[in-house]
Amino acid sequence: MGKSDGFTSLAELHAEKERVTSLRDGHAARLEDLYTTLRSAEFRKRLAKEALGDAMNGVLSHSMLGTMIGRGGVAGGLSLAMRSGSGGWMRRAGLFALGLVAPALIDRLQHVPFAKIGSEVRVSLDRLRNHLDQRRAAREQDLRN
């Protein structure tokens, strides 16, 4: 209600007081839920991990250090490892290695025509099929003897 508006009855005053009290209690409950969440060690750990990942992603982004470190490289590997979310150190180390190697692989693949990639995949699949057929035949031969 504005300053010029007044209450015409005591019942209106009590109704407005109840409304404001209810609003205050709702805000207090939400704040208490927030404080309870912030007290949780798991939440604080996840929050710190995400903040560190965001900071590393910002500091080690391609736009800031890409020219100094090179395309991808250590910056890409660290950024990928830090942003991996859940997972142990082995997973992070694997993602770091992938971040180091991926730009070089992409550069190499950019110069190879798709037709050649398709034919190489076809040849590899044929070789794999032949190898598996030979192993199956050898196993069947061993079972017969």
Protein backbone atom coordinates (compact mmCIF):
# COMPACT_ATOMS: atom_id res chain seq x y z
CA MET A 1 0.00 0.00 0.00
CA GLY A 2 1.20 3.50 -0.78
CA LYS A 3 1.56 6.33 1.74
CA SER A 4 -1.69 7.94 0.71
CA ASP A 5 -3.65 4.72 1.14
CA GLY A 6 -4.75 3.96 4.66
CA PHE A 7 -6.52 1.12 6.28
CA THR A 8 -10.22 1.64 6.60
CA SER A 9 -10.65 -0.98 9.28
CA LEU A 10 -8.70 -2.91 11.84
CA ALA A 11 -9.49 -6.13 9.92
CA GLU A 12 -7.63 -4.78 6.85
CA LEU A 13 -4.62 -3.99 9.02
CA HIS A 14 -4.56 -7.52 10.48
CA ALA A 15 -4.98 -9.07 7.01
CA GLU A 16 -2.07 -7.04 5.63
CA LYS A 17 0.04 -7.93 8.66
CA GLU A 18 -0.67 -11.65 8.11
CA ARG A 19 0.19 -11.35 4.41
CA VAL A 20 3.51 -9.63 5.13
CA THR A 21 4.32 -12.10 7.94
CA SER A 22 3.62 -15.02 5.61
CA LEU A 23 5.82 -13.47 2.94
CA ARG A 24 8.62 -12.96 5.49
CA ASP A 25 8.33 -16.56 6.72
CA GLY A 26 8.55 -17.85 3.14
CA HIS A 27 11.73 -15.86 2.51
CA ALA A 28 13.18 -17.03 5.85
CA ALA A 29 12.49 -20.67 4.94
CA ARG A 30 14.21 -20.26 1.55
CA LEU A 31 17.21 -18.61 3.21
CA GLU A 32 17.43 -21.41 5.77
CA ASP A 33 17.36 -23.98 2.94
CA LEU A 34 20.15 -22.06 1.19
CA TYR A 35 22.25 -21.94 4.37
CA THR A 36 21.69 -25.66 4.93
CA THR A 37 22.87 -26.37 1.39
CA LEU A 38 25.91 -24.13 1.83
CA ARG A 39 26.83 -25.94 5.06
CA SER A 40 26.99 -29.25 3.16
CA ALA A 41 30.61 -30.31 2.59
CA GLU A 42 29.69 -32.11 -0.65
CA PHE A 43 28.04 -28.99 -2.08
CA ARG A 44 31.01 -26.76 -1.14
CA LYS A 45 33.41 -29.28 -2.68
CA ARG A 46 31.42 -29.37 -5.94
CA LEU A 47 31.11 -25.57 -5.95
CA ALA A 48 34.88 -25.12 -5.49
CA LYS A 49 35.58 -27.70 -8.20
CA GLU A 50 33.31 -25.93 -10.68
CA ALA A 51 34.80 -22.53 -9.78
CA LEU A 52 38.33 -23.85 -10.29
CA GLY A 53 37.29 -25.41 -13.59
CA ASP A 54 35.73 -22.17 -14.76
CA ALA A 55 38.82 -20.23 -13.71
CA MET A 56 41.15 -22.66 -15.49
CA ASN A 57 38.93 -22.61 -18.55
CA GLY A 58 39.05 -18.81 -18.60
CA VAL A 59 42.77 -18.52 -17.97
CA LEU A 60 43.80 -21.33 -20.26
CA SER A 61 41.36 -20.64 -23.06
CA HIS A 62 42.47 -20.63 -26.67
CA SER A 63 41.81 -16.92 -26.94
CA MET A 64 44.10 -15.93 -24.06
CA LEU A 65 47.01 -18.33 -24.21
CA GLY A 66 46.41 -20.05 -27.52
CA THR A 67 49.08 -18.10 -29.34
CA MET A 68 51.64 -18.53 -26.55
CA ILE A 69 51.15 -22.25 -25.95
CA GLY A 70 49.90 -23.25 -29.36
CA ARG A 71 46.57 -24.49 -30.58
CA GLY A 72 45.25 -26.96 -28.02
CA GLY A 73 48.33 -28.28 -26.30
CA VAL A 74 48.70 -27.94 -22.56
CA ALA A 75 45.93 -25.35 -22.30
CA GLY A 76 43.43 -27.59 -24.06
CA GLY A 77 44.50 -30.62 -22.07
CA LEU A 78 44.26 -28.86 -18.72
CA SER A 79 40.95 -27.29 -19.60
CA LEU A 80 39.49 -30.63 -20.71
CA ALA A 81 40.79 -32.40 -17.59
CA MET A 82 39.51 -29.74 -15.19
CA ARG A 83 36.07 -29.61 -16.79
CA SER A 84 35.62 -33.38 -16.82
CA GLY A 85 33.30 -33.33 -13.82
CA SER A 86 33.24 -36.56 -11.89
CA GLY A 87 35.97 -39.11 -12.31
CA GLY A 88 39.28 -40.07 -10.84
CA TRP A 89 42.79 -38.96 -11.62
CA MET A 90 43.24 -41.62 -14.30
CA ARG A 91 40.25 -40.29 -16.22
CA ARG A 92 41.54 -36.74 -15.89
CA ALA A 93 45.00 -37.81 -17.04
CA GLY A 94 43.43 -39.53 -20.06
CA LEU A 95 41.41 -36.44 -20.90
CA PHE A 96 44.53 -34.29 -20.47
CA ALA A 97 46.38 -36.54 -22.94
CA LEU A 98 43.42 -36.38 -25.33
CA GLY A 99 43.47 -32.58 -25.09
CA LEU A 100 47.17 -32.61 -25.97
CA VAL A 101 46.82 -34.95 -28.95
CA ALA A 102 43.42 -33.99 -30.38
CA PRO A 103 44.47 -30.75 -32.14
CA ALA A 104 47.28 -32.52 -33.99
CA LEU A 105 44.91 -35.29 -35.07
CA ILE A 106 42.34 -32.79 -36.26
CA ASP A 107 45.00 -30.91 -38.23
CA ARG A 108 46.08 -34.14 -39.92
CA LEU A 109 42.51 -35.15 -40.72
CA GLN A 110 41.77 -31.77 -42.30
CA HIS A 111 44.26 -32.48 -45.10
CA VAL A 112 42.92 -35.97 -45.89
CA PRO A 113 39.94 -36.18 -48.27
CA PHE A 114 36.84 -37.90 -46.90
CA ALA A 115 36.87 -40.45 -49.72
CA LYS A 116 40.30 -41.62 -48.64
CA ILE A 117 39.18 -41.85 -45.01
CA GLY A 118 36.19 -43.94 -46.08
CA SER A 119 38.33 -46.30 -48.12
CA GLU A 120 40.82 -46.67 -45.24
CA VAL A 121 38.00 -47.49 -42.83
CA ARG A 122 36.62 -50.03 -45.31
CA VAL A 123 40.05 -51.69 -45.71
CA SER A 124 40.51 -51.80 -41.93
CA LEU A 125 37.10 -53.38 -41.42
CA ASP A 126 37.83 -55.98 -44.12
CA ARG A 127 41.13 -56.84 -42.45
CA LEU A 128 39.42 -57.14 -39.08
CA ARG A 129 36.70 -59.37 -40.55
CA ASN A 130 39.34 -61.60 -42.20
CA HIS A 131 41.32 -61.83 -38.98
CA LEU A 132 38.23 -62.81 -36.98
CA ASP A 133 37.26 -65.40 -39.63
CA GLN A 134 40.75 -66.91 -39.45
CA ARG A 135 40.62 -67.08 -35.64
CA ARG A 136 37.17 -68.66 -35.74
CA ALA A 137 38.32 -71.25 -38.30
CA ALA A 138 41.43 -72.04 -36.21
CA ARG A 139 39.30 -72.48 -33.08
CA GLU A 140 36.87 -74.76 -34.89
CA GLN A 141 39.81 -76.77 -36.22
CA ASP A 142 41.22 -77.12 -32.68
CA LEU A 143 37.84 -78.28 -31.38
CA ARG A 144 37.60 -80.97 -34.07
CA ASN A 145 41.02 -82.39 -33.21
